[in-house]
């Protein structure tokens, strides 16, 4: 799994760097009156891949946006149950993207970019591929959630101490 994570990191970093350089060069050259029309198509393709592969990278590293302020107030067992439900919903969505995204790739194989002789399926394939990677991550998380319920051990859940918990801990230590 660490190999996949490293590959995803390199992939996202390289494609994002290429995207930034390409957009910057196209804008700079346009200022001088030189048109680089193909840069828009390549940037679109790079952006799609960076988004989908980056989404899995963020999920693997627990860096997705969440409602931690609200969820951290729940007991660990409730948080685990909520995480299980959300993971199941994400899995269902990703499976839909894989199915319909694959159909879209097949339909787009004859569609080409306006400025490049490359099939548009290269862009639409980012969805199913990225969601497949997300599914592997989500399935591992679902297994962990179920294992937490079976073992009644919630120590692997990210736990942020709330203000109320800190106040109670301080009161018991001081004898109040």
Protein backbone atom coordinates (compact mmCIF):
# COMPACT_ATOMS: atom_id res chain seq x y z
CA UNK A 1 0.00 0.00 0.00
CA UNK A 2 2.89 2.37 0.66
CA UNK A 3 4.04 1.84 -2.92
CA UNK A 4 0.62 2.92 -4.24
CA UNK A 5 0.64 5.95 -1.95
CA UNK A 6 4.09 6.98 -3.19
CA UNK A 7 3.07 6.46 -6.82
CA UNK A 8 -0.02 8.59 -6.27
CA UNK A 9 2.07 11.31 -4.62
CA UNK A 10 4.55 11.40 -7.52
CA UNK A 11 1.76 11.30 -10.06
CA UNK A 12 -0.13 14.21 -8.48
CA UNK A 13 2.98 16.31 -7.89
CA UNK A 14 4.29 15.85 -11.43
CA UNK A 15 0.92 16.44 -13.10
CA UNK A 16 0.15 19.47 -10.91
CA UNK A 17 3.57 20.96 -11.66
CA UNK A 18 3.06 20.36 -15.38
CA UNK A 19 -0.39 21.94 -15.15
CA UNK A 20 0.92 25.05 -13.43
CA UNK A 21 3.86 25.46 -15.81
CA UNK A 22 1.64 24.88 -18.85
CA UNK A 23 -1.01 27.41 -17.79
CA UNK A 24 1.63 29.97 -16.87
CA UNK A 25 3.51 29.57 -20.15
CA UNK A 26 0.29 29.74 -22.17
CA UNK A 27 -0.73 32.95 -20.39
CA UNK A 28 2.74 34.48 -20.77
CA UNK A 29 2.96 33.57 -24.45
CA UNK A 30 -0.55 34.89 -25.06
CA UNK A 31 0.62 38.23 -23.64
CA UNK A 32 3.24 38.29 -26.40
CA UNK A 33 0.58 37.41 -28.98
CA UNK A 34 1.61 33.76 -29.35
CA UNK A 35 -1.32 31.35 -29.15
CA UNK A 36 -0.83 27.95 -27.56
CA UNK A 37 -4.33 26.60 -28.18
CA UNK A 38 -3.49 23.00 -27.28
CA UNK A 39 -2.52 24.05 -23.75
CA UNK A 40 -6.18 24.33 -22.72
CA UNK A 41 -6.87 20.73 -23.73
CA UNK A 42 -3.77 19.38 -22.02
CA UNK A 43 -4.50 21.44 -18.90
CA UNK A 44 -8.04 20.04 -18.81
CA UNK A 45 -6.73 16.49 -19.00
CA UNK A 46 -4.06 17.07 -16.33
CA UNK A 47 -6.58 18.77 -14.03
CA UNK A 48 -9.04 15.88 -14.24
CA UNK A 49 -6.35 13.36 -13.32
CA UNK A 50 -4.94 15.52 -10.52
CA UNK A 51 -8.41 15.93 -9.02
CA UNK A 52 -9.35 12.26 -8.97
CA UNK A 53 -5.97 10.83 -7.98
CA UNK A 54 -5.53 13.66 -5.48
CA UNK A 55 -8.90 12.79 -3.92
CA UNK A 56 -7.68 9.29 -3.14
CA UNK A 57 -4.37 10.63 -1.89
CA UNK A 58 -6.20 13.00 0.46
CA UNK A 59 -8.49 10.21 1.70
CA UNK A 60 -5.57 7.85 2.33
CA UNK A 61 -3.86 10.54 4.42
CA UNK A 62 -7.05 11.61 6.26
CA UNK A 63 -6.89 15.08 4.76
CA UNK A 64 -10.39 15.39 3.35
CA UNK A 65 -12.62 18.18 4.52
CA UNK A 66 -14.84 17.06 7.37
CA UNK A 67 -17.11 18.27 10.12
CA UNK A 68 -14.64 17.59 12.88
CA UNK A 69 -16.04 20.31 15.14
CA UNK A 70 -19.40 18.54 15.25
CA UNK A 71 -18.28 14.92 15.00
CA UNK A 72 -15.54 15.21 17.64
CA UNK A 73 -18.24 15.84 20.28
CA UNK A 74 -19.74 12.38 19.73
CA UNK A 75 -18.54 9.33 21.67
CA UNK A 76 -16.08 7.11 19.78
CA UNK A 77 -18.65 4.37 19.10
CA UNK A 78 -21.04 6.89 17.52
CA UNK A 79 -18.21 8.39 15.46
CA UNK A 80 -17.28 4.93 14.24
CA UNK A 81 -20.89 4.24 13.24
CA UNK A 82 -21.16 7.57 11.47
CA UNK A 83 -17.87 6.91 9.68
CA UNK A 84 -19.17 3.49 8.59
CA UNK A 85 -22.37 5.00 7.15
CA UNK A 86 -20.44 7.76 5.36
CA UNK A 87 -17.91 5.28 4.00
CA UNK A 88 -20.74 3.11 2.64
CA UNK A 89 -22.30 6.17 0.95
CA UNK A 90 -18.94 7.15 -0.56
CA UNK A 91 -18.43 3.59 -1.78
CA UNK A 92 -21.85 3.57 -3.46
CA UNK A 93 -21.12 6.91 -5.15
CA UNK A 94 -17.69 5.76 -6.33
CA UNK A 95 -19.15 2.54 -7.74
CA UNK A 96 -21.69 4.61 -9.70
CA UNK A 97 -18.89 6.79 -11.08
CA UNK A 98 -16.95 3.68 -12.08
CA UNK A 99 -19.93 2.17 -13.92
CA UNK A 100 -21.15 5.32 -15.65
CA UNK A 101 -17.66 6.75 -16.11
CA UNK A 102 -16.55 3.59 -17.88
CA UNK A 103 -19.57 3.86 -20.18
CA UNK A 104 -18.65 7.47 -20.87
CA UNK A 105 -15.07 6.45 -21.70
CA UNK A 106 -16.33 3.90 -24.17
CA UNK A 107 -18.68 6.44 -25.76
CA UNK A 108 -15.91 9.06 -25.99
CA UNK A 109 -13.22 6.90 -27.57
CA UNK A 110 -13.89 8.45 -30.99
CA UNK A 111 -14.18 11.98 -29.66
CA UNK A 112 -10.94 13.90 -29.96
CA UNK A 113 -9.66 17.09 -28.41
CA UNK A 114 -10.15 20.20 -30.53
CA UNK A 115 -6.43 20.81 -30.91
CA UNK A 116 -4.86 17.39 -30.34
CA UNK A 117 -5.22 14.00 -32.03
CA UNK A 118 -5.82 12.36 -28.64
CA UNK A 119 -9.03 10.62 -27.59
CA UNK A 120 -11.15 12.46 -25.03
CA UNK A 121 -11.40 9.14 -23.19
CA UNK A 122 -8.09 10.09 -21.59
CA UNK A 123 -9.97 12.75 -19.63
CA UNK A 124 -13.07 10.74 -18.85
CA UNK A 125 -10.97 7.76 -17.70
CA UNK A 126 -9.77 9.83 -14.74
CA UNK A 127 -13.16 9.39 -13.05
CA UNK A 128 -13.38 5.59 -13.07
CA UNK A 129 -9.67 5.12 -12.34
CA UNK A 130 -9.69 7.62 -9.49
CA UNK A 131 -12.89 6.18 -8.05
CA UNK A 132 -11.47 2.67 -8.25
CA UNK A 133 -8.53 3.83 -6.16
CA UNK A 134 -10.96 5.56 -3.79
CA UNK A 135 -12.94 2.30 -3.51
CA UNK A 136 -9.85 0.41 -2.37
CA UNK A 137 -9.24 3.02 0.32
CA UNK A 138 -12.89 3.13 1.38
CA UNK A 139 -13.18 -0.67 1.59
CA UNK A 140 -10.16 -0.75 3.93
CA UNK A 141 -11.84 1.91 6.07
CA UNK A 142 -15.12 -0.01 6.14
CA UNK A 143 -13.28 -3.13 7.27
CA UNK A 144 -11.63 -1.08 10.03
CA UNK A 145 -15.01 0.35 11.11
CA UNK A 146 -16.55 -3.12 11.30
CA UNK A 147 -13.51 -4.47 13.14
CA UNK A 148 -13.85 -1.63 15.66
CA UNK A 149 -17.46 -2.66 16.37
CA UNK A 150 -16.57 -6.35 16.68
CA UNK A 151 -13.60 -5.77 19.00
CA UNK A 152 -15.28 -2.84 20.77
CA UNK A 153 -12.01 -0.95 20.38
CA UNK A 154 -12.23 2.57 19.00
CA UNK A 155 -8.66 3.65 19.66
CA UNK A 156 -7.89 3.91 15.93
CA UNK A 157 -10.51 6.62 15.44
CA UNK A 158 -9.13 10.12 15.27
CA UNK A 159 -10.17 11.57 18.58
CA UNK A 160 -10.03 15.25 19.28
CA UNK A 161 -10.56 16.17 22.88
CA UNK A 162 -13.47 18.55 23.31
CA UNK A 163 -13.56 21.55 25.61
CA UNK A 164 -16.11 19.82 27.83
CA UNK A 165 -13.83 16.77 28.22
CA UNK A 166 -10.89 19.02 29.12
CA UNK A 167 -12.95 20.85 31.74
CA UNK A 168 -14.09 17.57 33.32
CA UNK A 169 -10.53 16.25 33.40
CA UNK A 170 -9.34 19.44 35.08
CA UNK A 171 -12.11 19.26 37.70
CA UNK A 172 -11.34 15.66 38.64
CA UNK A 173 -7.63 16.36 38.94
CA UNK A 174 -8.18 19.35 41.20
CA UNK A 175 -10.67 17.44 43.37
CA UNK A 176 -13.66 19.65 42.56
